[in-house]
Amino acid sequence: MDPRVRTSRAEARQLLDPEFVEVGASGRRWSYEEILAELPDMPGNSEEGPRYVPSGMTGAVLAPGVVHLTYETTIEGRRARRSSLWRRLGEETGWRMYYHQVTPIPSQDGD
């Protein structure tokens, strides 16, 4: 969520699994290379501009080295539910996001 990470392909590369896939709020499927190329130009990347505000973060261990993280974000009044799978491939690699999905929350949805 940090704009400094989002605008740095090198830093984002360290957090994303080489097999990374995202299903964005629009329904578009993003690959590892596509997201690294586009991430610096996406919303939420300016220290001065609107930023993503996360809330309600919870995680569940699905298997050794695999965690499912869920949370909500808000940016400029728009809310979304997010789900990501993180996996750890080894001590040197650390945790990397393997899968991410964004589901917009309609403005009338109070949940």
PDB file of N, CA and C in Angstrom:
ATOM      1  N   MET A   1       0.811  -1.200   0.000  1.00  0.00           N
ATOM      2  CA  MET A   1       0.000   0.000   0.000  1.00  0.00           C
ATOM      3  C   MET A   1       0.858   1.270   0.000  1.00  0.00           C
ATOM      4  N   ASP A   2       2.102   1.158   0.395  1.00  0.00           N
ATOM      5  CA  ASP A   2       3.002   2.309   0.473  1.00  0.00           C
ATOM      6  C   ASP A   2       3.323   2.820  -0.931  1.00  0.00           C
ATOM      7  N   PRO A   3       3.064   4.106  -1.208  1.00  0.00           N
ATOM      8  CA  PRO A   3       3.353   4.654  -2.541  1.00  0.00           C
ATOM      9  C   PRO A   3       4.803   4.457  -2.980  1.00  0.00           C
ATOM     10  N   ARG A   4       5.736   4.478  -2.057  1.00  0.00           N
ATOM     11  CA  ARG A   4       7.147   4.280  -2.430  1.00  0.00           C
ATOM     12  C   ARG A   4       7.382   2.878  -2.986  1.00  0.00           C
ATOM     13  N   VAL A   5       6.674   1.905  -2.461  1.00  0.00           N
ATOM     14  CA  VAL A   5       6.804   0.531  -2.967  1.00  0.00           C
ATOM     15  C   VAL A   5       6.050   0.399  -4.283  1.00  0.00           C
ATOM     16  N   ARG A   6       4.853   0.967  -4.352  1.00  0.00           N
ATOM     17  CA  ARG A   6       4.015   0.852  -5.546  1.00  0.00           C
ATOM     18  C   ARG A   6       4.659   1.491  -6.773  1.00  0.00           C
ATOM     19  N   THR A   7       5.476   2.518  -6.568  1.00  0.00           N
ATOM     20  CA  THR A   7       6.108   3.189  -7.706  1.00  0.00           C
ATOM     21  C   THR A   7       7.481   2.614  -8.042  1.00  0.00           C
ATOM     22  N   SER A   8       7.949   1.671  -7.262  1.00  0.00           N
ATOM     23  CA  SER A   8       9.266   1.062  -7.495  1.00  0.00           C
ATOM     24  C   SER A   8       9.096  -0.371  -7.996  1.00  0.00           C
ATOM     25  N   ARG A   9       9.407  -0.591  -9.254  1.00  0.00           N
ATOM     26  CA  ARG A   9       9.302  -1.950  -9.789  1.00  0.00           C
ATOM     27  C   ARG A   9      10.232  -2.910  -9.041  1.00  0.00           C
ATOM     28  N   ALA A  10      11.396  -2.412  -8.651  1.00  0.00           N
ATOM     29  CA  ALA A  10      12.355  -3.265  -7.932  1.00  0.00           C
ATOM     30  C   ALA A  10      11.788  -3.714  -6.588  1.00  0.00           C
ATOM     31  N   GLU A  11      11.172  -2.796  -5.849  1.00  0.00           N
ATOM     32  CA  GLU A  11      10.595  -3.168  -4.546  1.00  0.00           C
ATOM     33  C   GLU A  11       9.361  -4.048  -4.718  1.00  0.00           C
ATOM     34  N   ALA A  12       8.514  -3.725  -5.694  1.00  0.00           N
ATOM     35  CA  ALA A  12       7.322  -4.544  -5.944  1.00  0.00           C
ATOM     36  C   ALA A  12       7.731  -5.957  -6.356  1.00  0.00           C
ATOM     37  N   ARG A  13       8.785  -6.071  -7.144  1.00  0.00           N
ATOM     38  CA  ARG A  13       9.278  -7.385  -7.594  1.00  0.00           C
ATOM     39  C   ARG A  13       9.652  -8.264  -6.404  1.00  0.00           C
ATOM     40  N   GLN A  14      10.152  -7.673  -5.329  1.00  0.00           N
ATOM     41  CA  GLN A  14      10.535  -8.436  -4.145  1.00  0.00           C
ATOM     42  C   GLN A  14       9.329  -8.940  -3.359  1.00  0.00           C
ATOM     43  N   LEU A  15       8.152  -8.327  -3.565  1.00  0.00           N
ATOM     44  CA  LEU A  15       6.950  -8.724  -2.835  1.00  0.00           C
ATOM     45  C   LEU A  15       6.014  -9.622  -3.639  1.00  0.00           C
ATOM     46  N   LEU A  16       6.224  -9.695  -4.954  1.00  0.00           N
ATOM     47  CA  LEU A  16       5.342 -10.494  -5.804  1.00  0.00           C
ATOM     48  C   LEU A  16       6.024 -11.788  -6.215  1.00  0.00           C
ATOM     49  N   ASP A  17       5.285 -12.867  -6.135  1.00  0.00           N
ATOM     50  CA  ASP A  17       5.752 -14.164  -6.577  1.00  0.00           C
ATOM     51  C   ASP A  17       5.902 -14.153  -8.098  1.00  0.00           C
ATOM     52  N   PRO A  18       6.917 -14.798  -8.656  1.00  0.00           N
ATOM     53  CA  PRO A  18       7.060 -14.834 -10.111  1.00  0.00           C
ATOM     54  C   PRO A  18       5.843 -15.432 -10.828  1.00  0.00           C
ATOM     55  N   GLU A  19       5.025 -16.216 -10.130  1.00  0.00           N
ATOM     56  CA  GLU A  19       3.807 -16.786 -10.720  1.00  0.00           C
ATOM     57  C   GLU A  19       2.559 -15.972 -10.353  1.00  0.00           C
ATOM     58  N   PHE A  20       2.758 -14.752  -9.890  1.00  0.00           N
ATOM     59  CA  PHE A  20       1.677 -13.874  -9.439  1.00  0.00           C
ATOM     60  C   PHE A  20       0.595 -13.698 -10.508  1.00  0.00           C
ATOM     61  N   VAL A  21      -0.669 -13.678 -10.028  1.00  0.00           N
ATOM     62  CA  VAL A  21      -1.840 -13.371 -10.853  1.00  0.00           C
ATOM     63  C   VAL A  21      -2.767 -12.503 -10.016  1.00  0.00           C
ATOM     64  N   GLU A  22      -3.361 -11.502 -10.634  1.00  0.00           N
ATOM     65  CA  GLU A  22      -4.369 -10.669  -9.960  1.00  0.00           C
ATOM     66  C   GLU A  22      -5.616 -10.610 -10.817  1.00  0.00           C
ATOM     67  N   VAL A  23      -6.761 -10.644 -10.152  1.00  0.00           N
ATOM     68  CA  VAL A  23      -8.033 -10.327 -10.788  1.00  0.00           C
ATOM     69  C   VAL A  23      -8.453  -9.002 -10.177  1.00  0.00           C
ATOM     70  N   GLY A  24      -8.382  -7.950 -10.990  1.00  0.00           N
ATOM     71  CA  GLY A  24      -8.659  -6.603 -10.507  1.00  0.00           C
ATOM     72  C   GLY A  24     -10.137  -6.317 -10.365  1.00  0.00           C
ATOM     73  N   ALA A  25     -10.435  -5.118  -9.856  1.00  0.00           N
ATOM     74  CA  ALA A  25     -11.823  -4.695  -9.633  1.00  0.00           C
ATOM     75  C   ALA A  25     -12.629  -4.669 -10.922  1.00  0.00           C
ATOM     76  N   SER A  26     -11.961  -4.454 -12.051  1.00  0.00           N
ATOM     77  CA  SER A  26     -12.650  -4.415 -13.343  1.00  0.00           C
ATOM     78  C   SER A  26     -12.920  -5.813 -13.893  1.00  0.00           C
ATOM     79  N   GLY A  27     -12.304  -6.826 -13.266  1.00  0.00           N
ATOM     80  CA  GLY A  27     -12.400  -8.193 -13.776  1.00  0.00           C
ATOM     81  C   GLY A  27     -11.204  -8.564 -14.630  1.00  0.00           C
ATOM     82  N   ARG A  28     -10.349  -7.592 -14.911  1.00  0.00           N
ATOM     83  CA  ARG A  28      -9.160  -7.857 -15.715  1.00  0.00           C
ATOM     84  C   ARG A  28      -8.205  -8.782 -14.960  1.00  0.00           C
ATOM     85  N   ARG A  29      -7.605  -9.703 -15.693  1.00  0.00           N
ATOM     86  CA  ARG A  29      -6.598 -10.614 -15.135  1.00  0.00           C
ATOM     87  C   ARG A  29      -5.219 -10.034 -15.449  1.00  0.00           C
ATOM     88  N   TRP A  30      -4.419  -9.855 -14.403  1.00  0.00           N
ATOM     89  CA  TRP A  30      -3.084  -9.286 -14.534  1.00  0.00           C
ATOM     90  C   TRP A  30      -2.040 -10.366 -14.260  1.00  0.00           C
ATOM     91  N   SER A  31      -1.009 -10.415 -15.072  1.00  0.00           N
ATOM     92  CA  SER A  31       0.110 -11.323 -14.828  1.00  0.00           C
ATOM     93  C   SER A  31       1.195 -10.574 -14.047  1.00  0.00           C
ATOM     94  N   TYR A  32       2.186 -11.281 -13.622  1.00  0.00           N
ATOM     95  CA  TYR A  32       3.333 -10.709 -12.910  1.00  0.00           C
ATOM     96  C   TYR A  32       3.953  -9.566 -13.712  1.00  0.00           C
ATOM     97  N   GLU A  33       4.285  -9.829 -14.964  1.00  0.00           N
ATOM     98  CA  GLU A  33       4.927  -8.808 -15.797  1.00  0.00           C
ATOM     99  C   GLU A  33       4.003  -7.621 -16.060  1.00  0.00           C
ATOM    100  N   GLU A  34       2.718  -7.882 -16.288  1.00  0.00           N
ATOM    101  CA  GLU A  34       1.766  -6.796 -16.549  1.00  0.00           C
ATOM    102  C   GLU A  34       1.618  -5.885 -15.338  1.00  0.00           C
ATOM    103  N   ILE A  35       1.504  -6.475 -14.153  1.00  0.00           N
ATOM    104  CA  ILE A  35       1.310  -5.644 -12.961  1.00  0.00           C
ATOM    105  C   ILE A  35       2.566  -4.848 -12.650  1.00  0.00           C
ATOM    106  N   LEU A  36       3.743  -5.440 -12.833  1.00  0.00           N
ATOM    107  CA  LEU A  36       4.986  -4.693 -12.599  1.00  0.00           C
ATOM    108  C   LEU A  36       5.111  -3.523 -13.563  1.00  0.00           C
ATOM    109  N   ALA A  37       4.680  -3.708 -14.797  1.00  0.00           N
ATOM    110  CA  ALA A  37       4.753  -2.632 -15.788  1.00  0.00           C
ATOM    111  C   ALA A  37       3.771  -1.504 -15.488  1.00  0.00           C
ATOM    112  N   GLU A  38       2.573  -1.838 -15.007  1.00  0.00           N
ATOM    113  CA  GLU A  38       1.510  -0.845 -14.817  1.00  0.00           C
ATOM    114  C   GLU A  38       1.424  -0.263 -13.411  1.00  0.00           C
ATOM    115  N   LEU A  39       1.891  -0.974 -12.406  1.00  0.00           N
ATOM    116  CA  LEU A  39       1.721  -0.567 -11.009  1.00  0.00           C
ATOM    117  C   LEU A  39       2.170   0.877 -10.721  1.00  0.00           C
ATOM    118  N   PRO A  40       3.314   1.331 -11.221  1.00  0.00           N
ATOM    119  CA  PRO A  40       3.731   2.700 -10.902  1.00  0.00           C
ATOM    120  C   PRO A  40       2.749   3.789 -11.362  1.00  0.00           C
ATOM    121  N   ASP A  41       1.909   3.484 -12.350  1.00  0.00           N
ATOM    122  CA  ASP A  41       0.966   4.474 -12.879  1.00  0.00           C
ATOM    123  C   ASP A  41      -0.455   4.317 -12.350  1.00  0.00           C
ATOM    124  N   MET A  42      -0.670   3.385 -11.437  1.00  0.00           N
ATOM    125  CA  MET A  42      -2.014   3.140 -10.904  1.00  0.00           C
ATOM    126  C   MET A  42      -2.334   4.104  -9.758  1.00  0.00           C
ATOM    127  N   PRO A  43      -3.626   4.268  -9.424  1.00  0.00           N
ATOM    128  CA  PRO A  43      -4.021   5.137  -8.305  1.00  0.00           C
ATOM    129  C   PRO A  43      -3.392   4.703  -6.990  1.00  0.00           C
ATOM    130  N   GLY A  44      -3.205   5.666  -6.095  1.00  0.00           N
ATOM    131  CA  GLY A  44      -2.691   5.377  -4.766  1.00  0.00           C
ATOM    132  C   GLY A  44      -1.180   5.430  -4.676  1.00  0.00           C
ATOM    133  N   ASN A  45      -0.531   5.989  -5.683  1.00  0.00           N
ATOM    134  CA  ASN A  45       0.925   5.957  -5.744  1.00  0.00           C
ATOM    135  C   ASN A  45       1.611   7.278  -5.439  1.00  0.00           C
ATOM    136  N   SER A  46       0.868   8.262  -4.999  1.00  0.00           N
ATOM    137  CA  SER A  46       1.459   9.568  -4.731  1.00  0.00           C
ATOM    138  C   SER A  46       1.452   9.853  -3.231  1.00  0.00           C
ATOM    139  N   GLU A  47       2.559  10.372  -2.741  1.00  0.00           N
ATOM    140  CA  GLU A  47       2.630  10.763  -1.329  1.00  0.00           C
ATOM    141  C   GLU A  47       1.623  11.880  -1.040  1.00  0.00           C
ATOM    142  N   GLU A  48       1.367  12.738  -2.027  1.00  0.00           N
ATOM    143  CA  GLU A  48       0.463  13.879  -1.840  1.00  0.00           C
ATOM    144  C   GLU A  48      -0.979  13.575  -2.223  1.00  0.00           C
ATOM    145  N   GLY A  49      -1.194  12.601  -3.073  1.00  0.00           N
ATOM    146  CA  GLY A  49      -2.530  12.311  -3.576  1.00  0.00           C
ATOM    147  C   GLY A  49      -3.279  11.313  -2.734  1.00  0.00           C
ATOM    148  N   PRO A  50      -4.412  10.837  -3.247  1.00  0.00           N
ATOM    149  CA  PRO A  50      -5.205   9.850  -2.501  1.00  0.00           C
ATOM    150  C   PRO A  50      -4.425   8.557  -2.321  1.00  0.00           C
ATOM    151  N   ARG A  51      -4.622   7.959  -1.165  1.00  0.00           N
ATOM    152  CA  ARG A  51      -3.927   6.709  -0.842  1.00  0.00           C
ATOM    153  C   ARG A  51      -4.932   5.661  -0.398  1.00  0.00           C
ATOM    154  N   TYR A  52      -4.570   4.407  -0.589  1.00  0.00           N
ATOM    155  CA  TYR A  52      -5.394   3.314  -0.094  1.00  0.00           C
ATOM    156  C   TYR A  52      -5.297   3.259   1.428  1.00  0.00           C
ATOM    157  N   VAL A  53      -6.450   3.128   2.064  1.00  0.00           N
ATOM    158  CA  VAL A  53      -6.494   2.983   3.516  1.00  0.00           C
ATOM    159  C   VAL A  53      -7.032   1.587   3.805  1.00  0.00           C
ATOM    160  N   PRO A  54      -6.198   0.699   4.343  1.00  0.00           N
ATOM    161  CA  PRO A  54      -6.660  -0.663   4.639  1.00  0.00           C
ATOM    162  C   PRO A  54      -7.367  -0.742   5.987  1.00  0.00           C
ATOM    163  N   SER A  55      -8.263  -1.711   6.131  1.00  0.00           N
ATOM    164  CA  SER A  55      -8.938  -1.949   7.412  1.00  0.00           C
ATOM    165  C   SER A  55      -9.384  -3.410   7.476  1.00  0.00           C
ATOM    166  N   GLY A  56      -9.628  -3.869   8.710  1.00  0.00           N
ATOM    167  CA  GLY A  56     -10.182  -5.198   8.928  1.00  0.00           C
ATOM    168  C   GLY A  56      -9.314  -6.335   8.419  1.00  0.00           C
ATOM    169  N   MET A  57      -8.010  -6.185   8.509  1.00  0.00           N
ATOM    170  CA  MET A  57      -7.106  -7.203   7.985  1.00  0.00           C
ATOM    171  C   MET A  57      -7.110  -8.454   8.865  1.00  0.00           C
ATOM    172  N   THR A  58      -7.333  -9.607   8.233  1.00  0.00           N
ATOM    173  CA  THR A  58      -7.260 -10.892   8.932  1.00  0.00           C
ATOM    174  C   THR A  58      -6.503 -11.879   8.050  1.00  0.00           C
ATOM    175  N   GLY A  59      -5.887 -12.838   8.702  1.00  0.00           N
ATOM    176  CA  GLY A  59      -5.146 -13.837   7.958  1.00  0.00           C
ATOM    177  C   GLY A  59      -5.423 -15.225   8.496  1.00  0.00           C
ATOM    178  N   ALA A  60      -5.273 -16.204   7.625  1.00  0.00           N
ATOM    179  CA  ALA A  60      -5.451 -17.596   8.005  1.00  0.00           C
ATOM    180  C   ALA A  60      -4.360 -18.422   7.352  1.00  0.00           C
ATOM    181  N   VAL A  61      -3.704 -19.253   8.149  1.00  0.00           N
ATOM    182  CA  VAL A  61      -2.697 -20.161   7.615  1.00  0.00           C
ATOM    183  C   VAL A  61      -3.423 -21.326   6.954  1.00  0.00           C
ATOM    184  N   LEU A  62      -3.204 -21.504   5.653  1.00  0.00           N
ATOM    185  CA  LEU A  62      -3.861 -22.586   4.917  1.00  0.00           C
ATOM    186  C   LEU A  62      -3.019 -23.851   4.894  1.00  0.00           C
ATOM    187  N   ALA A  63      -1.719 -23.675   4.930  1.00  0.00           N
ATOM    188  CA  ALA A  63      -0.763 -24.788   4.921  1.00  0.00           C
ATOM    189  C   ALA A  63       0.580 -24.195   5.314  1.00  0.00           C
ATOM    190  N   PRO A  64       1.554 -25.018   5.653  1.00  0.00           N
ATOM    191  CA  PRO A  64       2.868 -24.448   5.953  1.00  0.00           C
ATOM    192  C   PRO A  64       3.369 -23.600   4.781  1.00  0.00           C
ATOM    193  N   GLY A  65       3.690 -22.361   5.066  1.00  0.00           N
ATOM    194  CA  GLY A  65       4.194 -21.467   4.024  1.00  0.00           C
ATOM    195  C   GLY A  65       3.142 -20.860   3.122  1.00  0.00           C
ATOM    196  N   VAL A  66       1.840 -20.965   3.480  1.00  0.00           N
ATOM    197  CA  VAL A  66       0.758 -20.388   2.673  1.00  0.00           C
ATOM    198  C   VAL A  66      -0.238 -19.691   3.601  1.00  0.00           C
ATOM    199  N   VAL A  67      -0.453 -18.395   3.368  1.00  0.00           N
ATOM    200  CA  VAL A  67      -1.372 -17.603   4.189  1.00  0.00           C
ATOM    201  C   VAL A  67      -2.393 -16.918   3.291  1.00  0.00           C
ATOM    202  N   HIS A  68      -3.658 -16.920   3.730  1.00  0.00           N
ATOM    203  CA  HIS A  68      -4.736 -16.210   3.033  1.00  0.00           C
ATOM    204  C   HIS A  68      -5.025 -14.939   3.827  1.00  0.00           C
ATOM    205  N   LEU A  69      -4.862 -13.795   3.192  1.00  0.00           N
ATOM    206  CA  LEU A  69      -5.076 -12.497   3.829  1.00  0.00           C
ATOM    207  C   LEU A  69      -6.320 -11.848   3.235  1.00  0.00           C
ATOM    208  N   THR A  70      -7.229 -11.350   4.085  1.00  0.00           N
ATOM    209  CA  THR A  70      -8.404 -10.615   3.612  1.00  0.00           C
ATOM    210  C   THR A  70      -8.465  -9.282   4.333  1.00  0.00           C
ATOM    211  N   TYR A  71      -8.954  -8.262   3.624  1.00  0.00           N
ATOM    212  CA  TYR A  71      -9.082  -6.928   4.200  1.00  0.00           C
ATOM    213  C   TYR A  71      -9.911  -6.063   3.258  1.00  0.00           C
ATOM    214  N   GLU A  72     -10.227  -4.862   3.721  1.00  0.00           N
ATOM    215  CA  GLU A  72     -10.917  -3.882   2.884  1.00  0.00           C
ATOM    216  C   GLU A  72     -10.023  -2.680   2.698  1.00  0.00           C
ATOM    217  N   THR A  73     -10.229  -1.980   1.580  1.00  0.00           N
ATOM    218  CA  THR A  73      -9.525  -0.727   1.356  1.00  0.00           C
ATOM    219  C   THR A  73     -10.529   0.345   0.969  1.00  0.00           C
ATOM    220  N   THR A  74     -10.140   1.588   1.239  1.00  0.00           N
ATOM    221  CA  THR A  74     -10.903   2.751   0.806  1.00  0.00           C
ATOM    222  C   THR A  74      -9.927   3.712   0.140  1.00  0.00           C
ATOM    223  N   ILE A  75     -10.331   4.265  -0.995  1.00  0.00           N
ATOM    224  CA  ILE A  75      -9.571   5.319  -1.656  1.00  0.00           C
ATOM    225  C   ILE A  75     -10.579   6.236  -2.336  1.00  0.00           C
ATOM    226  N   GLU A  76     -10.509   7.502  -2.008  1.00  0.00           N
ATOM    227  CA  GLU A  76     -11.425   8.508  -2.552  1.00  0.00           C
ATOM    228  C   GLU A  76     -12.884   8.084  -2.428  1.00  0.00           C
ATOM    229  N   GLY A  77     -13.247   7.502  -1.276  1.00  0.00           N
ATOM    230  CA  GLY A  77     -14.624   7.113  -1.012  1.00  0.00           C
ATOM    231  C   GLY A  77     -15.038   5.783  -1.618  1.00  0.00           C
ATOM    232  N   ARG A  78     -14.185   5.186  -2.446  1.00  0.00           N
ATOM    233  CA  ARG A  78     -14.499   3.882  -3.039  1.00  0.00           C
ATOM    234  C   ARG A  78     -13.932   2.781  -2.156  1.00  0.00           C
ATOM    235  N   ARG A  79     -14.797   1.790  -1.846  1.00  0.00           N
ATOM    236  CA  ARG A  79     -14.378   0.670  -1.002  1.00  0.00           C
ATOM    237  C   ARG A  79     -14.258  -0.603  -1.827  1.00  0.00           C
ATOM    238  N   ALA A  80     -13.373  -1.482  -1.370  1.00  0.00           N
ATOM    239  CA  ALA A  80     -13.204  -2.779  -2.034  1.00  0.00           C
ATOM    240  C   ALA A  80     -12.815  -3.822  -1.003  1.00  0.00           C
ATOM    241  N   ARG A  81     -13.257  -5.037  -1.255  1.00  0.00           N
ATOM    242  CA  ARG A  81     -12.814  -6.178  -0.458  1.00  0.00           C
ATOM    243  C   ARG A  81     -11.646  -6.818  -1.209  1.00  0.00           C
ATOM    244  N   ARG A  82     -10.635  -7.205  -0.464  1.00  0.00           N
ATOM    245  CA  ARG A  82      -9.434  -7.763  -1.078  1.00  0.00           C
ATOM    246  C   ARG A  82      -9.082  -9.098  -0.444  1.00  0.00           C
ATOM    247  N   SER A  83      -8.577  -9.973  -1.267  1.00  0.00           N
ATOM    248  CA  SER A  83      -8.172 -11.294  -0.835  1.00  0.00           C
ATOM    249  C   SER A  83      -6.852 -11.618  -1.530  1.00  0.00           C
ATOM    250  N   SER A  84      -5.880 -12.072  -0.755  1.00  0.00           N
ATOM    251  CA  SER A  84      -4.608 -12.437  -1.371  1.00  0.00           C
ATOM    252  C   SER A  84      -4.040 -13.687  -0.717  1.00  0.00           C
ATOM    253  N   LEU A  85      -3.308 -14.425  -1.521  1.00  0.00           N
ATOM    254  CA  LEU A  85      -2.593 -15.596  -1.044  1.00  0.00           C
ATOM    255  C   LEU A  85      -1.102 -15.265  -1.071  1.00  0.00           C
ATOM    256  N   TRP A  86      -0.456 -15.536   0.045  1.00  0.00           N
ATOM    257  CA  TRP A  86       0.976 -15.294   0.176  1.00  0.00           C
ATOM    258  C   TRP A  86       1.648 -16.630   0.409  1.00  0.00           C
ATOM    259  N   ARG A  87       2.799 -16.811  -0.228  1.00  0.00           N
ATOM    260  CA  ARG A  87       3.532 -18.046   0.021  1.00  0.00           C
ATOM    261  C   ARG A  87       5.000 -17.742   0.276  1.00  0.00           C
ATOM    262  N   ARG A  88       5.576 -18.600   1.060  1.00  0.00           N
ATOM    263  CA  ARG A  88       6.985 -18.458   1.420  1.00  0.00           C
ATOM    264  C   ARG A  88       7.749 -19.604   0.775  1.00  0.00           C
ATOM    265  N   LEU A  89       8.673 -19.247  -0.091  1.00  0.00           N
ATOM    266  CA  LEU A  89       9.418 -20.256  -0.829  1.00  0.00           C
ATOM    267  C   LEU A  89      10.739 -20.612  -0.171  1.00  0.00           C
ATOM    268  N   GLY A  90      11.142 -19.850   0.841  1.00  0.00           N
ATOM    269  CA  GLY A  90      12.385 -20.138   1.536  1.00  0.00           C
ATOM    270  C   GLY A  90      12.812 -18.954   2.375  1.00  0.00           C
ATOM    271  N   GLU A  91      13.809 -19.174   3.203  1.00  0.00           N
ATOM    272  CA  GLU A  91      14.304 -18.118   4.102  1.00  0.00           C
ATOM    273  C   GLU A  91      14.780 -16.892   3.333  1.00  0.00           C
ATOM    274  N   GLU A  92      15.522 -17.095   2.256  1.00  0.00           N
ATOM    275  CA  GLU A  92      16.085 -15.979   1.502  1.00  0.00           C
ATOM    276  C   GLU A  92      15.024 -15.215   0.723  1.00  0.00           C
ATOM    277  N   THR A  93      14.039 -15.915   0.228  1.00  0.00           N
ATOM    278  CA  THR A  93      12.992 -15.293  -0.578  1.00  0.00           C
ATOM    279  C   THR A  93      11.989 -14.546   0.279  1.00  0.00           C
ATOM    280  N   GLY A  94      11.628 -15.101   1.418  1.00  0.00           N
ATOM    281  CA  GLY A  94      10.611 -14.486   2.273  1.00  0.00           C
ATOM    282  C   GLY A  94       9.215 -14.693   1.708  1.00  0.00           C
ATOM    283  N   TRP A  95       8.265 -13.915   2.223  1.00  0.00           N
ATOM    284  CA  TRP A  95       6.871 -14.013   1.814  1.00  0.00           C
ATOM    285  C   TRP A  95       6.640 -13.206   0.541  1.00  0.00           C
ATOM    286  N   ARG A  96       5.901 -13.810  -0.386  1.00  0.00           N
ATOM    287  CA  ARG A  96       5.559 -13.132  -1.636  1.00  0.00           C
ATOM    288  C   ARG A  96       4.091 -13.373  -1.962  1.00  0.00           C
ATOM    289  N   MET A  97       3.460 -12.338  -2.518  1.00  0.00           N
ATOM    290  CA  MET A  97       2.062 -12.455  -2.909  1.00  0.00           C
ATOM    291  C   MET A  97       1.967 -13.278  -4.187  1.00  0.00           C
ATOM    292  N   TYR A  98       1.184 -14.349  -4.099  1.00  0.00           N
ATOM    293  CA  TYR A  98       1.012 -15.279  -5.208  1.00  0.00           C
ATOM    294  C   TYR A  98      -0.266 -14.979  -6.005  1.00  0.00           C
ATOM    295  N   TYR A  99      -1.319 -14.542  -5.304  1.00  0.00           N
ATOM    296  CA  TYR A  99      -2.612 -14.272  -5.938  1.00  0.00           C
ATOM    297  C   TYR A  99      -3.291 -13.125  -5.211  1.00  0.00           C
ATOM    298  N   HIS A 100      -3.978 -12.269  -5.966  1.00  0.00           N
ATOM    299  CA  HIS A 100      -4.703 -11.147  -5.372  1.00  0.00           C
ATOM    300  C   HIS A 100      -5.991 -10.928  -6.149  1.00  0.00           C
ATOM    301  N   GLN A 101      -7.091 -10.684  -5.409  1.00  0.00           N
ATOM    302  CA  GLN A 101      -8.368 -10.392  -6.048  1.00  0.00           C
ATOM    303  C   GLN A 101      -9.017  -9.210  -5.355  1.00  0.00           C
ATOM    304  N   VAL A 102      -9.601  -8.320  -6.173  1.00  0.00           N
ATOM    305  CA  VAL A 102     -10.267  -7.115  -5.671  1.00  0.00           C
ATOM    306  C   VAL A 102     -11.732  -7.170  -6.084  1.00  0.00           C
ATOM    307  N   THR A 103     -12.625  -6.954  -5.119  1.00  0.00           N
ATOM    308  CA  THR A 103     -14.057  -6.909  -5.403  1.00  0.00           C
ATOM    309  C   THR A 103     -14.602  -5.581  -4.912  1.00  0.00           C
ATOM    310  N   PRO A 104     -15.081  -4.719  -5.819  1.00  0.00           N
ATOM    311  CA  PRO A 104     -15.641  -3.432  -5.382  1.00  0.00           C
ATOM    312  C   PRO A 104     -16.862  -3.641  -4.492  1.00  0.00           C
ATOM    313  N   ILE A 105     -17.036  -2.755  -3.516  1.00  0.00           N
ATOM    314  CA  ILE A 105     -18.198  -2.769  -2.652  1.00  0.00           C
ATOM    315  C   ILE A 105     -19.136  -1.670  -3.118  1.00  0.00           C
ATOM    316  N   PRO A 106     -20.342  -2.019  -3.547  1.00  0.00           N
ATOM    317  CA  PRO A 106     -21.287  -0.977  -3.991  1.00  0.00           C
ATOM    318  C   PRO A 106     -21.505   0.045  -2.878  1.00  0.00           C
ATOM    319  N   SER A 107     -21.705   1.297  -3.223  1.00  0.00           N
ATOM    320  CA  SER A 107     -21.832   2.362  -2.229  1.00  0.00           C
ATOM    321  C   SER A 107     -22.999   2.166  -1.277  1.00  0.00           C
ATOM    322  N   GLN A 108     -24.073   1.469  -1.676  1.00  0.00           N
ATOM    323  CA  GLN A 108     -25.210   1.252  -0.789  1.00  0.00           C
ATOM    324  C   GLN A 108     -24.991   0.065   0.143  1.00  0.00           C
ATOM    325  N   ASP A 109     -23.925  -0.711  -0.038  1.00  0.00           N
ATOM    326  CA  ASP A 109     -23.647  -1.885   0.792  1.00  0.00           C
ATOM    327  C   ASP A 109     -23.065  -1.447   2.128  1.00  0.00           C
ATOM    328  N   GLY A 110     -23.761  -1.678   3.200  1.00  0.00           N
ATOM    329  CA  GLY A 110     -23.310  -1.265   4.523  1.00  0.00           C
ATOM    330  C   GLY A 110     -22.410  -2.282   5.208  1.00  0.00           C
ATOM    331  N   ASP A 111     -22.286  -3.475   4.664  1.00  0.00           N
ATOM    332  CA  ASP A 111     -21.455  -4.530   5.268  1.00  0.00           C
ATOM    333  C   ASP A 111     -19.999  -4.239   5.130  1.00  0.00           C
TER     334      ASP A 111
END
